[in-house]
Structure formats: C-alpha cells, structure tokens
Amino acid sequence: MQIPCENLHERNSWQNNVCIAGIDEAGRGPLCGPVVIAGVILPQNTAPDFLIDSKKLSEKRRIAAYSWIISHCIYTTVTISHTTIDTLNIYQATMAGMRQVYFQLAALCKNQGLPTPAHLVIDAMPLPSPEKGVLVTPIIRGEAASSSIAAASIVAKVTRDSMLAEYAQIFPAYSLTQHKGYGTALHIQALKAHGPSLIHRKSFVIKPKSGLL
C-alpha cells in the first residue's frame, strides 16, 4: 500500500488562503517524442490518497486518478516537441515549458475569477520565479511529498502516453507502446536497424564520438 503524501506545503498554503500549484513533467529521459509538462491546482483542503507518484500507479489506477483530476481541478499541459528539445536542450526546454504552464494556470484562474498561483511546488527542478511575488519550491521526490506534484505527474504521464500510442501507429517499427520512447534494449535494437524516425531527438541519438548512432 502506498503512503499518502504529507502535503506540508499544501496544508500551509490552504491555511493561509494561498493558491498553490504543482508542476511536473513526463518524458525528459526518452530518446524520442515530446516532453509534457503539467500543472495542477487542487481544490482547497482536498488531497485524495490516490494522488501518488504516477509511476507507482497501475495504468488502470492512473487513468482513474486522471479522470478525477480533470473533473475536479484546475489543470493545464504544455507539450515541448522533439525539435525544440534538440534546439534548446532538454533542461532549458523543460524550464521554458514550466514557465508556460504557470502562465496558463494563472490565465485560467483569472478567467474564473480565482486567485492566481502564489506558490509553485515542483519536482526537483529549481525553476526561477516566473513572476514577482511567486514562491517556487523544488522538492526532491516531490511526487511522494506533494499531492499537487503527484497530480501533475499523473496528468503529464497520461497525456504523453496517449501521444506515444498515436506515434506507435505511425512508426510501428520502434515498438513505442512497450517502452514509451525510453532507451530500452528493444528500442536501441530498432534504432540500429532502422535509424531515427522523424520524432527521435537527434541530440539524444546522434552523437558521433560517444552516442548511440
């Protein structure tokens, strides 16, 4: 049985009527496809026990949690393409996507007449504050400590997995549904047999001195 998140930052923010949002990503490590960044604002004083690290949920439980999030929370996603990753590098591309997620969440809140996020909790990455007065707290293993981050990880993973399932139909030679683009032996074998596809990150797989191809 998984231990529910402690939610120290959420409880403090809710007690002080501060809007807190969790941000997380899926897809920084794979050799192909986009990275998806998600942001989630939970309803105040609401942190269901099923909001845990997306990687520790079965697909069925992850889909159920995702359905709850999109029905009850304010959320958004940003997709960063493989070409942008190759241009900026994965770290800078992810940082840019996280900033965009914040501004999209802020716009959603304003449109609904709600307070905009004043505190962002993020899994590990030290994101500079996107706007004056916004506190940013990076948390190591944040999905285990924060339901907001866990919810964002679920939205990001479900969104990216769905995209990879579609790519798998277009590029069947790479068995993308089995490894979601990560550098497994099966994936590397396909790359060596067929070369990179249109969605592979060239900066990840083409490195003449020490790389894969």
Protein backbone atom coordinates (compact mmCIF):
# COMPACT_ATOMS: atom_id res chain seq x y z
CA MET A 1 0.00 0.00 0.00
CA GLN A 2 1.31 3.43 -0.94
CA ILE A 3 1.73 6.08 1.76
CA PRO A 4 -0.31 9.25 1.09
CA CYS A 5 1.62 12.48 0.58
CA GLU A 6 2.36 14.61 3.66
CA ASN A 7 1.41 17.83 1.83
CA LEU A 8 3.25 20.18 4.17
CA HIS A 9 3.25 23.00 1.62
CA GLU A 10 -0.36 22.43 0.62
CA ARG A 11 -1.63 22.50 4.19
CA ASN A 12 0.34 25.66 4.96
CA SER A 13 -0.91 27.38 1.80
CA TRP A 14 -4.53 26.37 2.39
CA GLN A 15 -4.41 27.60 5.98
CA ASN A 16 -3.23 30.98 4.71
CA ASN A 17 -5.58 31.11 1.70
CA VAL A 18 -2.67 30.98 -0.72
CA CYS A 19 -3.20 29.37 -4.13
CA ILE A 20 -0.66 26.56 -4.59
CA ALA A 21 0.02 24.66 -7.81
CA GLY A 22 2.05 21.55 -8.53
CA ILE A 23 4.15 21.21 -11.68
CA ASP A 24 5.77 18.07 -13.05
CA GLU A 25 6.85 16.60 -16.37
CA ALA A 26 6.88 13.33 -18.26
CA GLY A 27 9.38 12.44 -20.93
CA ARG A 28 12.71 14.10 -20.10
CA GLY A 29 14.62 10.84 -20.48
CA PRO A 30 13.21 9.15 -23.62
CA LEU A 31 15.03 9.13 -26.93
CA CYS A 32 12.00 10.29 -28.89
CA GLY A 33 8.81 12.26 -28.71
CA PRO A 34 7.94 15.35 -26.69
CA VAL A 35 8.28 16.22 -23.06
CA VAL A 36 4.91 17.05 -21.49
CA ILE A 37 4.72 19.44 -18.54
CA ALA A 38 1.56 19.65 -16.46
CA GLY A 39 0.33 21.99 -13.75
CA VAL A 40 -2.48 21.22 -11.31
CA ILE A 41 -4.28 23.27 -8.66
CA LEU A 42 -6.17 21.01 -6.26
CA PRO A 43 -9.43 22.10 -4.66
CA GLN A 44 -8.63 23.71 -1.32
CA ASN A 45 -8.21 21.21 1.54
CA THR A 46 -8.58 18.30 -0.87
CA ALA A 47 -5.83 15.71 -1.35
CA PRO A 48 -7.18 12.22 -2.09
CA ASP A 49 -4.97 9.29 -1.12
CA PHE A 50 -4.88 8.03 -4.72
CA LEU A 51 -2.82 11.05 -5.78
CA ILE A 52 0.64 9.50 -5.62
CA ASP A 53 3.61 9.23 -7.98
CA SER A 54 2.24 8.31 -11.41
CA LYS A 55 4.98 5.70 -11.90
CA LYS A 56 3.72 3.78 -8.85
CA LEU A 57 0.16 3.52 -10.15
CA SER A 58 -1.10 0.79 -12.43
CA GLU A 59 -2.39 2.08 -15.74
CA LYS A 60 -5.98 1.49 -14.61
CA ARG A 61 -5.50 3.44 -11.36
CA ARG A 62 -3.58 6.17 -13.16
CA ILE A 63 -6.42 6.66 -15.65
CA ALA A 64 -8.95 6.76 -12.79
CA ALA A 65 -6.86 9.39 -10.97
CA TYR A 66 -6.51 11.39 -14.18
CA SER A 67 -10.28 11.37 -14.66
CA TRP A 68 -10.76 12.72 -11.13
CA ILE A 69 -8.16 15.46 -11.68
CA ILE A 70 -9.64 16.78 -14.92
CA SER A 71 -13.11 16.78 -13.35
CA HIS A 72 -12.23 18.48 -10.06
CA CYS A 73 -9.05 20.53 -10.53
CA ILE A 74 -7.70 23.45 -12.48
CA TYR A 75 -5.04 21.98 -14.75
CA THR A 76 -3.10 22.60 -17.92
CA THR A 77 -0.42 20.96 -20.05
CA VAL A 78 2.37 22.18 -22.29
CA THR A 79 3.95 19.95 -24.92
CA ILE A 80 7.56 20.61 -25.94
CA SER A 81 8.42 18.99 -29.25
CA HIS A 82 11.48 16.90 -30.01
CA THR A 83 12.70 19.64 -32.36
CA THR A 84 12.54 22.26 -29.60
CA ILE A 85 14.37 19.86 -27.28
CA ASP A 86 17.12 19.48 -29.90
CA THR A 87 17.32 23.25 -30.30
CA LEU A 88 17.31 24.33 -26.66
CA ASN A 89 18.48 21.12 -24.89
CA ILE A 90 16.17 19.13 -22.63
CA TYR A 91 16.84 21.14 -19.47
CA GLN A 92 16.17 24.55 -20.98
CA ALA A 93 13.17 23.23 -22.93
CA THR A 94 11.65 21.81 -19.76
CA MET A 95 12.26 25.04 -17.84
CA ALA A 96 10.60 27.06 -20.60
CA GLY A 97 7.63 24.69 -20.55
CA MET A 98 7.26 25.02 -16.78
CA ARG A 99 7.14 28.80 -17.06
CA GLN A 100 4.48 28.48 -19.74
CA VAL A 101 2.46 26.15 -17.50
CA TYR A 102 2.48 28.75 -14.74
CA PHE A 103 1.18 31.49 -17.03
CA GLN A 104 -1.51 29.21 -18.45
CA LEU A 105 -2.67 28.31 -14.93
CA ALA A 106 -2.69 31.99 -13.98
CA ALA A 107 -4.80 32.81 -17.03
CA LEU A 108 -7.27 30.02 -16.23
CA CYS A 109 -7.63 31.29 -12.67
CA LYS A 110 -8.16 34.89 -13.79
CA ASN A 111 -10.82 33.80 -16.29
CA GLN A 112 -12.69 32.06 -13.46
CA GLY A 113 -12.28 34.94 -11.01
CA LEU A 114 -9.98 32.91 -8.78
CA PRO A 115 -6.66 33.81 -7.12
CA THR A 116 -3.65 33.04 -9.29
CA PRO A 117 -0.95 30.66 -8.02
CA ALA A 118 1.35 32.35 -5.49
CA HIS A 119 3.28 29.18 -4.61
CA LEU A 120 4.60 26.59 -7.05
CA VAL A 121 5.84 23.20 -5.89
CA ILE A 122 7.95 21.41 -8.47
CA ASP A 123 9.57 18.01 -8.61
CA ALA A 124 13.29 18.66 -8.11
CA MET A 125 13.95 21.30 -10.80
CA PRO A 126 15.00 24.72 -9.39
CA LEU A 127 12.76 26.90 -11.56
CA PRO A 128 13.35 30.67 -11.15
CA SER A 129 10.22 32.51 -10.07
CA PRO A 130 8.17 33.18 -13.22
CA GLU A 131 6.68 36.34 -11.79
CA LYS A 132 7.34 38.75 -8.92
CA GLY A 133 5.86 37.51 -5.66
CA VAL A 134 5.51 33.87 -6.76
CA LEU A 135 7.30 31.44 -4.44
CA VAL A 136 8.85 28.39 -6.08
CA THR A 137 9.75 25.32 -4.01
CA PRO A 138 11.62 22.45 -5.71
CA ILE A 139 11.17 19.19 -3.80
CA ILE A 140 13.33 16.10 -4.27
CA ARG A 141 11.00 13.14 -4.93
CA GLY A 142 8.20 15.65 -4.94
CA GLU A 143 5.55 13.19 -6.16
CA ALA A 144 5.88 11.38 -2.83
CA ALA A 145 5.66 14.56 -0.73
CA SER A 146 3.06 16.65 -2.54
CA SER A 147 -0.35 15.65 -3.89
CA SER A 148 -0.19 18.69 -6.19
CA ILE A 149 3.02 17.43 -7.79
CA ALA A 150 1.67 13.87 -7.88
CA ALA A 151 -1.45 15.10 -9.68
CA ALA A 152 0.70 16.97 -12.21
CA SER A 153 2.83 13.86 -12.75
CA ILE A 154 -0.32 11.84 -13.46
CA VAL A 155 -1.66 14.37 -15.97
CA ALA A 156 1.71 14.65 -17.70
CA LYS A 157 2.23 10.89 -17.97
CA VAL A 158 -1.28 10.06 -19.16
CA THR A 159 -1.09 12.84 -21.74
CA ARG A 160 2.31 11.75 -23.05
CA ASP A 161 1.45 8.04 -23.06
CA SER A 162 -1.59 8.82 -25.19
CA MET A 163 0.58 10.72 -27.65
CA LEU A 164 3.10 7.87 -27.82
CA ALA A 165 0.28 5.40 -28.53
CA GLU A 166 -0.63 7.51 -31.57
CA TYR A 167 3.00 7.73 -32.68
CA ALA A 168 3.25 3.95 -32.38
CA GLN A 169 0.65 3.62 -35.14
CA ILE A 170 2.70 5.91 -37.41
CA PHE A 171 6.11 4.38 -36.58
CA PRO A 172 5.36 0.70 -35.82
CA ALA A 173 8.97 -0.45 -36.24
CA TYR A 174 10.01 1.07 -32.89
CA SER A 175 7.52 -0.67 -30.52
CA LEU A 176 6.80 2.64 -28.79
CA THR A 177 3.85 1.36 -26.76
CA GLN A 178 6.17 -1.06 -24.99
CA HIS A 179 8.83 1.39 -23.82
CA LYS A 180 7.29 4.87 -24.38
CA GLY A 181 10.45 6.02 -26.11
CA TYR A 182 12.93 5.17 -23.35
CA GLY A 183 16.29 3.67 -24.28
CA THR A 184 15.47 0.02 -23.70
CA ALA A 185 17.33 -2.79 -25.48
CA LEU A 186 14.31 -3.26 -27.76
CA HIS A 187 14.27 0.41 -28.69
CA ILE A 188 18.02 0.59 -29.30
CA GLN A 189 17.83 -2.52 -31.47
CA ALA A 190 15.13 -0.88 -33.59
CA LEU A 191 17.17 2.31 -33.87
CA LYS A 192 20.21 0.41 -35.09
CA ALA A 193 18.07 -1.46 -37.61
CA HIS A 194 16.04 1.47 -38.93
CA GLY A 195 17.81 4.64 -37.85
CA PRO A 196 15.99 7.51 -36.10
CA SER A 197 12.42 8.35 -37.08
CA LEU A 198 11.00 11.82 -37.60
CA ILE A 199 10.17 12.09 -33.89
CA HIS A 200 13.52 10.98 -32.48
CA ARG A 201 15.61 13.55 -30.62
CA LYS A 202 18.68 13.85 -32.77
CA SER A 203 20.67 15.33 -29.88
CA PHE A 204 19.95 12.17 -27.89
CA VAL A 205 20.66 9.51 -30.52
CA ILE A 206 23.19 11.02 -32.96
CA LYS A 207 26.49 11.74 -31.21
CA PRO A 208 29.42 10.68 -33.42
CA LYS A 209 32.05 10.46 -30.66
CA SER A 210 30.15 8.65 -27.92
CA GLY A 211 26.49 8.43 -28.81
CA LEU A 212 24.09 5.75 -29.83
CA LEU A 213 24.28 6.12 -33.62
